[in-house]
Amino acid sequence: MGILVGLFLIGIGSLMVIYTEWLLKNFGRINWFERNLGSEGGTRLGYKLVGIIFVFLGLLLMTGLMDGFLGFILSPLMRTQI
């Protein structure tokens, strides 16, 4: 099941990166991206970054490394007593 979800995420992420201009024309600009990522190309960059994150998460799911990666990223937030 993880392989299918991973492939789906990779496909969606790839399409977001490839068809950024289509997304911009149909969904418009996002103010947060424009304000924080650049003056004119902030939304384009934001769509591409979200697509790359989807591809990365899809690869993690397909290889079974999601638990280890999330454990590493969230380890400073979770304190365990030994």
N, C-alpha and C. Protein backbone atom coordinates (compact mmCIF):
# COMPACT_ATOMS: atom_id res chain seq x y z
N MET A 1 0.82 -1.20 0.00
CA MET A 1 0.00 0.00 0.00
C MET A 1 0.86 1.26 0.00
N GLY A 2 1.99 1.19 0.74
CA GLY A 2 2.88 2.34 0.81
C GLY A 2 3.49 2.67 -0.55
N ILE A 3 3.71 1.64 -1.37
CA ILE A 3 4.30 1.88 -2.68
C ILE A 3 3.31 2.63 -3.57
N LEU A 4 2.04 2.26 -3.52
CA LEU A 4 1.04 2.94 -4.34
C LEU A 4 0.84 4.39 -3.90
N VAL A 5 0.78 4.62 -2.61
CA VAL A 5 0.63 6.00 -2.11
C VAL A 5 1.87 6.81 -2.45
N GLY A 6 3.04 6.19 -2.33
CA GLY A 6 4.27 6.88 -2.69
C GLY A 6 4.31 7.26 -4.16
N LEU A 7 3.91 6.33 -5.02
CA LEU A 7 3.85 6.64 -6.46
C LEU A 7 2.86 7.75 -6.76
N PHE A 8 1.72 7.74 -6.06
CA PHE A 8 0.72 8.79 -6.24
C PHE A 8 1.30 10.15 -5.83
N LEU A 9 1.98 10.21 -4.69
CA LEU A 9 2.58 11.47 -4.25
C LEU A 9 3.66 11.95 -5.20
N ILE A 10 4.47 11.02 -5.70
CA ILE A 10 5.51 11.39 -6.66
C ILE A 10 4.87 11.94 -7.93
N GLY A 11 3.80 11.31 -8.38
CA GLY A 11 3.11 11.79 -9.58
C GLY A 11 2.51 13.17 -9.39
N ILE A 12 1.85 13.38 -8.27
CA ILE A 12 1.25 14.70 -7.99
C ILE A 12 2.33 15.76 -7.87
N GLY A 13 3.40 15.44 -7.14
CA GLY A 13 4.49 16.40 -6.98
C GLY A 13 5.16 16.74 -8.30
N SER A 14 5.38 15.73 -9.14
CA SER A 14 5.99 15.98 -10.44
C SER A 14 5.10 16.86 -11.31
N LEU A 15 3.81 16.58 -11.29
CA LEU A 15 2.88 17.41 -12.06
C LEU A 15 2.85 18.85 -11.55
N MET A 16 2.97 19.02 -10.24
CA MET A 16 2.99 20.39 -9.68
C MET A 16 4.23 21.14 -10.15
N VAL A 17 5.36 20.47 -10.22
CA VAL A 17 6.58 21.12 -10.66
C VAL A 17 6.53 21.41 -12.16
N ILE A 18 6.02 20.47 -12.93
CA ILE A 18 6.00 20.63 -14.39
C ILE A 18 4.96 21.67 -14.82
N TYR A 19 3.78 21.63 -14.23
CA TYR A 19 2.68 22.51 -14.65
C TYR A 19 2.45 23.65 -13.65
N THR A 20 3.51 24.28 -13.22
CA THR A 20 3.40 25.40 -12.28
C THR A 20 2.63 26.56 -12.88
N GLU A 21 2.89 26.85 -14.14
CA GLU A 21 2.21 27.98 -14.78
C GLU A 21 0.71 27.72 -14.89
N TRP A 22 0.31 26.48 -15.18
CA TRP A 22 -1.10 26.14 -15.25
C TRP A 22 -1.75 26.34 -13.87
N LEU A 23 -1.06 25.89 -12.82
CA LEU A 23 -1.59 26.08 -11.46
C LEU A 23 -1.75 27.57 -11.15
N LEU A 24 -0.78 28.37 -11.55
CA LEU A 24 -0.84 29.80 -11.29
C LEU A 24 -2.01 30.44 -12.03
N LYS A 25 -2.23 30.05 -13.27
CA LYS A 25 -3.34 30.64 -14.05
C LYS A 25 -4.70 30.22 -13.50
N ASN A 26 -4.83 28.99 -13.02
CA ASN A 26 -6.13 28.50 -12.58
C ASN A 26 -6.43 28.78 -11.11
N PHE A 27 -5.42 28.82 -10.26
CA PHE A 27 -5.66 29.03 -8.83
C PHE A 27 -5.20 30.39 -8.35
N GLY A 28 -4.45 31.11 -9.15
CA GLY A 28 -4.03 32.46 -8.80
C GLY A 28 -2.84 32.50 -7.87
N ARG A 29 -2.53 33.69 -7.48
CA ARG A 29 -1.38 33.92 -6.61
C ARG A 29 -1.77 33.70 -5.15
N ILE A 30 -0.80 33.28 -4.36
CA ILE A 30 -1.01 33.08 -2.93
C ILE A 30 -0.21 34.16 -2.22
N ASN A 31 -0.90 34.98 -1.44
CA ASN A 31 -0.27 36.14 -0.82
C ASN A 31 0.90 35.77 0.09
N TRP A 32 0.77 34.67 0.84
CA TRP A 32 1.84 34.29 1.75
C TRP A 32 3.12 33.97 0.98
N PHE A 33 2.99 33.25 -0.14
CA PHE A 33 4.15 32.94 -0.97
C PHE A 33 4.75 34.21 -1.56
N GLU A 34 3.92 35.09 -2.05
CA GLU A 34 4.41 36.33 -2.64
C GLU A 34 5.14 37.19 -1.61
N ARG A 35 4.60 37.24 -0.41
CA ARG A 35 5.19 38.06 0.64
C ARG A 35 6.51 37.48 1.14
N ASN A 36 6.61 36.16 1.27
CA ASN A 36 7.76 35.56 1.91
C ASN A 36 8.78 34.94 0.97
N LEU A 37 8.42 34.65 -0.27
CA LEU A 37 9.35 33.99 -1.17
C LEU A 37 9.82 34.84 -2.34
N GLY A 38 9.32 36.02 -2.51
CA GLY A 38 9.78 36.86 -3.61
C GLY A 38 8.71 37.83 -4.04
N SER A 39 9.09 38.74 -4.93
CA SER A 39 8.16 39.78 -5.32
C SER A 39 7.20 39.31 -6.42
N GLU A 40 7.71 38.80 -7.55
CA GLU A 40 6.83 38.38 -8.64
C GLU A 40 6.75 36.88 -8.80
N GLY A 41 7.81 36.16 -8.47
CA GLY A 41 7.82 34.72 -8.70
C GLY A 41 7.61 33.91 -7.44
N GLY A 42 7.12 34.51 -6.39
CA GLY A 42 6.97 33.81 -5.13
C GLY A 42 5.99 32.66 -5.17
N THR A 43 4.88 32.86 -5.86
CA THR A 43 3.87 31.81 -5.94
C THR A 43 4.38 30.65 -6.79
N ARG A 44 5.07 30.97 -7.89
CA ARG A 44 5.64 29.90 -8.72
C ARG A 44 6.63 29.07 -7.91
N LEU A 45 7.50 29.75 -7.18
CA LEU A 45 8.48 29.05 -6.35
C LEU A 45 7.78 28.23 -5.26
N GLY A 46 6.72 28.77 -4.69
CA GLY A 46 5.97 28.06 -3.67
C GLY A 46 5.33 26.79 -4.19
N TYR A 47 4.72 26.86 -5.39
CA TYR A 47 4.13 25.67 -6.00
C TYR A 47 5.21 24.61 -6.27
N LYS A 48 6.37 25.04 -6.74
CA LYS A 48 7.45 24.10 -7.02
C LYS A 48 7.99 23.47 -5.73
N LEU A 49 8.12 24.27 -4.67
CA LEU A 49 8.60 23.72 -3.40
C LEU A 49 7.63 22.70 -2.82
N VAL A 50 6.34 22.98 -2.91
CA VAL A 50 5.33 22.02 -2.43
C VAL A 50 5.40 20.74 -3.26
N GLY A 51 5.59 20.86 -4.57
CA GLY A 51 5.73 19.69 -5.42
C GLY A 51 6.95 18.87 -5.07
N ILE A 52 8.07 19.51 -4.80
CA ILE A 52 9.30 18.81 -4.42
C ILE A 52 9.13 18.11 -3.08
N ILE A 53 8.42 18.74 -2.15
CA ILE A 53 8.16 18.11 -0.85
C ILE A 53 7.29 16.86 -1.04
N PHE A 54 6.30 16.94 -1.94
CA PHE A 54 5.47 15.75 -2.22
C PHE A 54 6.31 14.62 -2.79
N VAL A 55 7.22 14.94 -3.70
CA VAL A 55 8.08 13.91 -4.29
C VAL A 55 8.95 13.29 -3.20
N PHE A 56 9.52 14.10 -2.33
CA PHE A 56 10.37 13.61 -1.26
C PHE A 56 9.60 12.71 -0.30
N LEU A 57 8.41 13.13 0.08
CA LEU A 57 7.59 12.30 0.97
C LEU A 57 7.17 11.00 0.28
N GLY A 58 6.88 11.06 -1.01
CA GLY A 58 6.54 9.86 -1.75
C GLY A 58 7.69 8.87 -1.78
N LEU A 59 8.91 9.37 -1.98
CA LEU A 59 10.08 8.50 -1.96
C LEU A 59 10.29 7.87 -0.58
N LEU A 60 10.08 8.66 0.47
CA LEU A 60 10.21 8.12 1.82
C LEU A 60 9.19 7.02 2.08
N LEU A 61 7.97 7.23 1.62
CA LEU A 61 6.93 6.21 1.80
C LEU A 61 7.26 4.93 1.02
N MET A 62 7.72 5.09 -0.20
CA MET A 62 8.00 3.92 -1.03
C MET A 62 9.14 3.07 -0.46
N THR A 63 10.14 3.72 0.12
CA THR A 63 11.29 2.99 0.62
C THR A 63 11.13 2.54 2.07
N GLY A 64 10.05 2.97 2.72
CA GLY A 64 9.81 2.58 4.10
C GLY A 64 10.63 3.35 5.11
N LEU A 65 11.13 4.50 4.73
CA LEU A 65 11.97 5.31 5.61
C LEU A 65 11.23 6.44 6.31
N MET A 66 9.91 6.48 6.15
CA MET A 66 9.12 7.58 6.72
C MET A 66 9.20 7.61 8.24
N ASP A 67 9.10 6.46 8.90
CA ASP A 67 9.13 6.42 10.36
C ASP A 67 10.47 6.90 10.89
N GLY A 68 11.55 6.42 10.29
CA GLY A 68 12.88 6.83 10.74
C GLY A 68 13.13 8.32 10.52
N PHE A 69 12.68 8.84 9.37
CA PHE A 69 12.88 10.25 9.08
C PHE A 69 12.08 11.13 10.02
N LEU A 70 10.81 10.78 10.24
CA LEU A 70 9.99 11.57 11.16
C LEU A 70 10.51 11.47 12.59
N GLY A 71 11.00 10.29 12.97
CA GLY A 71 11.60 10.15 14.30
C GLY A 71 12.81 11.03 14.46
N PHE A 72 13.63 11.13 13.41
CA PHE A 72 14.81 11.99 13.46
C PHE A 72 14.43 13.46 13.53
N ILE A 73 13.46 13.88 12.71
CA ILE A 73 13.06 15.28 12.66
C ILE A 73 12.35 15.70 13.95
N LEU A 74 11.52 14.85 14.49
CA LEU A 74 10.73 15.21 15.67
C LEU A 74 11.40 14.84 16.99
N SER A 75 12.57 14.24 16.94
CA SER A 75 13.23 13.82 18.18
C SER A 75 13.53 14.96 19.15
N PRO A 76 13.88 16.16 18.69
CA PRO A 76 14.07 17.24 19.67
C PRO A 76 12.80 17.63 20.41
N LEU A 77 11.63 17.39 19.81
CA LEU A 77 10.37 17.77 20.43
C LEU A 77 9.87 16.75 21.44
N MET A 78 10.31 15.49 21.26
CA MET A 78 9.84 14.43 22.14
C MET A 78 10.98 14.01 23.08
N ARG A 79 10.77 14.27 24.33
CA ARG A 79 11.78 13.88 25.30
C ARG A 79 11.40 12.54 25.90
N THR A 80 12.33 11.64 25.85
CA THR A 80 12.10 10.32 26.44
C THR A 80 13.02 10.16 27.63
N GLN A 81 12.47 9.59 28.67
CA GLN A 81 13.27 9.36 29.87
C GLN A 81 13.81 7.94 29.84
N ILE A 82 15.07 7.85 30.10
CA ILE A 82 15.72 6.55 30.09
C ILE A 82 15.82 6.00 31.50
